[in-house]
N, C-alpha and C. Protein backbone atom coordinates (compact mmCIF):
# COMPACT_ATOMS: atom_id res chain seq x y z
N MET A 1 97.85 84.58 76.40
CA MET A 1 97.83 86.00 76.70
C MET A 1 96.51 86.63 76.27
N PHE A 2 95.90 86.12 75.20
CA PHE A 2 94.62 86.67 74.76
C PHE A 2 93.56 86.48 75.85
N ALA A 3 93.52 85.29 76.43
CA ALA A 3 92.54 85.02 77.50
C ALA A 3 92.79 85.92 78.71
N TYR A 4 94.06 86.14 79.03
CA TYR A 4 94.40 87.01 80.16
C TYR A 4 93.91 88.43 79.89
N GLY A 5 94.19 88.94 78.70
CA GLY A 5 93.75 90.28 78.33
C GLY A 5 92.24 90.42 78.34
N THR A 6 91.57 89.39 77.87
CA THR A 6 90.10 89.40 77.86
C THR A 6 89.56 89.40 79.28
N SER A 7 90.19 88.66 80.17
CA SER A 7 89.73 88.64 81.56
C SER A 7 89.93 89.99 82.23
N LYS A 8 91.02 90.68 81.89
CA LYS A 8 91.26 92.01 82.46
C LYS A 8 90.22 93.01 81.94
N LEU A 9 89.87 92.91 80.66
CA LEU A 9 88.82 93.76 80.11
C LEU A 9 87.49 93.48 80.80
N ALA A 10 87.19 92.23 81.06
CA ALA A 10 85.96 91.87 81.76
C ALA A 10 85.94 92.48 83.16
N ASN A 11 87.08 92.50 83.85
CA ASN A 11 87.16 93.12 85.17
C ASN A 11 86.81 94.60 85.10
N ILE A 12 87.34 95.29 84.10
CA ILE A 12 87.09 96.72 83.93
C ILE A 12 85.61 96.97 83.64
N LEU A 13 85.06 96.22 82.72
CA LEU A 13 83.65 96.39 82.37
C LEU A 13 82.74 96.09 83.55
N PHE A 14 83.08 95.08 84.34
CA PHE A 14 82.31 94.75 85.52
C PHE A 14 82.35 95.88 86.53
N ALA A 15 83.53 96.45 86.78
CA ALA A 15 83.66 97.56 87.73
C ALA A 15 82.83 98.76 87.28
N ARG A 16 82.83 99.04 86.00
CA ARG A 16 82.06 100.17 85.48
C ARG A 16 80.56 99.95 85.65
N GLU A 17 80.09 98.76 85.31
CA GLU A 17 78.66 98.46 85.44
C GLU A 17 78.23 98.44 86.90
N LEU A 18 79.07 97.87 87.76
CA LEU A 18 78.74 97.83 89.18
C LEU A 18 78.68 99.25 89.75
N ALA A 19 79.59 100.11 89.33
CA ALA A 19 79.57 101.51 89.77
C ALA A 19 78.27 102.18 89.34
N ARG A 20 77.83 101.90 88.12
CA ARG A 20 76.58 102.49 87.62
C ARG A 20 75.40 102.01 88.46
N ARG A 21 75.36 100.72 88.75
CA ARG A 21 74.23 100.17 89.52
C ARG A 21 74.23 100.62 90.97
N LEU A 22 75.41 100.89 91.52
CA LEU A 22 75.51 101.28 92.93
C LEU A 22 75.61 102.79 93.13
N SER A 23 75.41 103.53 92.08
CA SER A 23 75.49 104.99 92.14
C SER A 23 74.56 105.53 93.23
N GLY A 24 75.12 106.39 94.07
CA GLY A 24 74.33 107.00 95.14
C GLY A 24 74.21 106.18 96.40
N THR A 25 74.80 105.01 96.45
CA THR A 25 74.68 104.15 97.64
C THR A 25 75.86 104.31 98.60
N GLY A 26 76.91 105.00 98.14
CA GLY A 26 78.10 105.14 98.97
C GLY A 26 79.08 103.99 98.81
N VAL A 27 78.78 103.09 97.88
CA VAL A 27 79.69 101.97 97.59
C VAL A 27 80.44 102.32 96.30
N TYR A 28 81.74 102.16 96.31
CA TYR A 28 82.58 102.53 95.16
C TYR A 28 83.29 101.30 94.61
N THR A 29 83.49 101.27 93.31
CA THR A 29 84.17 100.14 92.67
C THR A 29 85.37 100.63 91.89
N TYR A 30 86.37 99.77 91.80
CA TYR A 30 87.59 100.10 91.07
C TYR A 30 88.12 98.84 90.39
N ALA A 31 88.70 99.02 89.23
CA ALA A 31 89.43 97.94 88.56
C ALA A 31 90.89 98.37 88.58
N LEU A 32 91.73 97.58 89.18
CA LEU A 32 93.13 97.99 89.28
C LEU A 32 94.06 96.80 89.16
N CYS A 33 95.29 97.11 88.89
CA CYS A 33 96.32 96.08 88.79
C CYS A 33 97.42 96.42 89.78
N PRO A 34 97.74 95.50 90.67
CA PRO A 34 98.79 95.77 91.65
C PRO A 34 100.19 95.72 91.06
N GLY A 35 100.31 95.34 89.81
CA GLY A 35 101.63 95.18 89.21
C GLY A 35 102.07 93.73 89.31
N TRP A 36 103.30 93.50 88.99
CA TRP A 36 103.86 92.15 89.02
C TRP A 36 104.36 91.88 90.44
N VAL A 37 103.60 91.10 91.19
CA VAL A 37 103.88 90.88 92.60
C VAL A 37 104.45 89.48 92.81
N LYS A 38 105.46 89.40 93.66
CA LYS A 38 106.12 88.12 93.94
C LYS A 38 105.23 87.28 94.86
N THR A 39 104.46 86.40 94.24
CA THR A 39 103.62 85.46 94.98
C THR A 39 103.84 84.08 94.38
N GLU A 40 103.16 83.12 94.91
CA GLU A 40 103.25 81.74 94.41
C GLU A 40 102.10 81.40 93.46
N LEU A 41 101.35 82.40 92.99
CA LEU A 41 100.18 82.12 92.17
C LEU A 41 100.51 81.41 90.87
N ALA A 42 101.64 81.71 90.27
CA ALA A 42 101.99 81.11 88.98
C ALA A 42 103.02 80.00 89.11
N ARG A 43 103.17 79.44 90.27
CA ARG A 43 104.23 78.45 90.51
C ARG A 43 104.13 77.23 89.61
N ASN A 44 102.92 76.88 89.19
CA ASN A 44 102.75 75.71 88.33
C ASN A 44 102.49 76.08 86.87
N ALA A 45 102.50 77.36 86.56
CA ALA A 45 102.16 77.81 85.21
C ALA A 45 103.40 78.10 84.36
N MET A 46 104.56 77.97 84.92
CA MET A 46 105.78 78.32 84.21
C MET A 46 106.33 77.14 83.42
N ASP A 47 105.70 76.84 82.33
CA ASP A 47 106.17 75.78 81.44
C ASP A 47 106.76 76.46 80.20
N MET A 48 108.05 76.79 80.29
CA MET A 48 108.70 77.51 79.20
C MET A 48 110.14 77.04 79.05
N PRO A 49 110.73 77.29 77.89
CA PRO A 49 112.13 76.92 77.68
C PRO A 49 113.04 77.65 78.67
N TRP A 50 114.18 77.04 78.98
CA TRP A 50 115.07 77.59 79.99
C TRP A 50 115.56 78.98 79.61
N LYS A 51 115.75 79.28 78.33
CA LYS A 51 116.22 80.62 77.94
C LYS A 51 115.17 81.68 78.29
N GLN A 52 113.92 81.37 78.06
CA GLN A 52 112.84 82.29 78.42
C GLN A 52 112.77 82.43 79.93
N TYR A 53 112.95 81.34 80.64
CA TYR A 53 112.88 81.36 82.09
C TYR A 53 113.96 82.27 82.67
N ILE A 54 115.18 82.20 82.12
CA ILE A 54 116.27 83.07 82.58
C ILE A 54 115.91 84.53 82.34
N GLY A 55 115.32 84.82 81.17
CA GLY A 55 114.88 86.19 80.88
C GLY A 55 113.83 86.67 81.85
N MET A 56 112.94 85.77 82.22
CA MET A 56 111.90 86.13 83.19
C MET A 56 112.51 86.42 84.56
N LEU A 57 113.52 85.66 84.94
CA LEU A 57 114.17 85.91 86.23
C LEU A 57 114.80 87.29 86.27
N VAL A 58 115.47 87.67 85.17
CA VAL A 58 116.08 89.00 85.10
C VAL A 58 115.01 90.08 85.23
N ALA A 59 113.92 89.94 84.48
CA ALA A 59 112.83 90.90 84.55
C ALA A 59 112.21 90.93 85.94
N ALA A 60 112.11 89.77 86.57
CA ALA A 60 111.52 89.70 87.90
C ALA A 60 112.35 90.50 88.90
N PHE A 61 113.65 90.36 88.85
CA PHE A 61 114.50 91.10 89.77
C PHE A 61 114.42 92.60 89.53
N MET A 62 114.16 93.00 88.29
CA MET A 62 114.10 94.42 87.98
C MET A 62 112.74 95.05 88.30
N PHE A 63 111.65 94.31 88.07
CA PHE A 63 110.33 94.92 88.13
C PHE A 63 109.36 94.34 89.15
N MET A 64 109.62 93.18 89.68
CA MET A 64 108.67 92.53 90.57
C MET A 64 108.58 93.26 91.91
N ARG A 65 107.35 93.40 92.39
CA ARG A 65 107.09 94.05 93.66
C ARG A 65 106.92 93.01 94.77
N THR A 66 107.15 93.44 95.98
CA THR A 66 106.86 92.59 97.13
C THR A 66 105.34 92.60 97.35
N PRO A 67 104.81 91.63 98.07
CA PRO A 67 103.38 91.67 98.38
C PRO A 67 102.98 92.97 99.09
N HIS A 68 103.83 93.47 99.96
CA HIS A 68 103.55 94.73 100.66
C HIS A 68 103.41 95.89 99.66
N GLN A 69 104.30 95.96 98.69
CA GLN A 69 104.22 97.01 97.69
C GLN A 69 103.00 96.83 96.79
N GLY A 70 102.70 95.59 96.44
CA GLY A 70 101.59 95.31 95.55
C GLY A 70 100.23 95.66 96.12
N VAL A 71 100.09 95.60 97.42
CA VAL A 71 98.79 95.86 98.04
C VAL A 71 98.52 97.35 98.25
N GLN A 72 99.51 98.19 98.06
CA GLN A 72 99.35 99.61 98.35
C GLN A 72 98.25 100.27 97.51
N THR A 73 98.17 99.98 96.22
CA THR A 73 97.13 100.57 95.38
C THR A 73 95.75 100.09 95.82
N ILE A 74 95.65 98.83 96.17
CA ILE A 74 94.38 98.28 96.63
C ILE A 74 93.94 98.97 97.91
N LEU A 75 94.85 99.12 98.85
CA LEU A 75 94.53 99.79 100.11
C LEU A 75 94.15 101.25 99.88
N HIS A 76 94.84 101.90 98.97
CA HIS A 76 94.53 103.30 98.67
C HIS A 76 93.09 103.43 98.19
N CYS A 77 92.68 102.58 97.28
CA CYS A 77 91.30 102.62 96.78
C CYS A 77 90.30 102.27 97.87
N ALA A 78 90.68 101.40 98.78
CA ALA A 78 89.77 100.95 99.83
C ALA A 78 89.56 101.99 100.93
N VAL A 79 90.57 102.80 101.22
CA VAL A 79 90.46 103.68 102.40
C VAL A 79 90.55 105.17 102.09
N SER A 80 90.96 105.55 100.92
CA SER A 80 91.13 106.98 100.62
C SER A 80 89.82 107.60 100.11
N THR A 81 89.50 108.77 100.65
CA THR A 81 88.33 109.50 100.15
C THR A 81 88.66 110.28 98.89
N LYS A 82 89.93 110.38 98.56
CA LYS A 82 90.36 111.14 97.38
C LYS A 82 89.93 110.50 96.07
N VAL A 83 89.65 109.21 96.07
CA VAL A 83 89.30 108.52 94.83
C VAL A 83 87.82 108.18 94.72
N ALA A 84 87.01 108.68 95.63
CA ALA A 84 85.58 108.37 95.61
C ALA A 84 84.91 108.82 94.32
N ASP A 85 85.37 109.93 93.75
CA ASP A 85 84.76 110.41 92.50
C ASP A 85 85.26 109.65 91.28
N GLU A 86 86.11 108.67 91.47
CA GLU A 86 86.65 107.87 90.38
C GLU A 86 86.05 106.46 90.39
N THR A 87 84.94 106.28 91.02
CA THR A 87 84.32 104.97 91.06
C THR A 87 84.04 104.45 89.66
N GLY A 88 84.29 103.17 89.47
CA GLY A 88 84.07 102.55 88.16
C GLY A 88 85.24 102.70 87.21
N LYS A 89 86.30 103.33 87.65
CA LYS A 89 87.46 103.53 86.78
C LYS A 89 88.57 102.58 87.16
């Protein structure tokens, strides 16, 4: 989890620096999280005891988004003019 958190911090810092370097060019950057999306990305990473796995399944049913739902924030940042002044955030 430490490595995951560090990688997310690196994404944020990269977006901020890229926004600074591209200031005035009309290119905008964002660091965002689509949430917990039901994909096959972690299909081989689930090496955990069965009790933890059952808990994860319960949480997944409660909080996991579909790919369609997960992409909405990304699309909003890509096409909306409302967030142009939030570049680098």
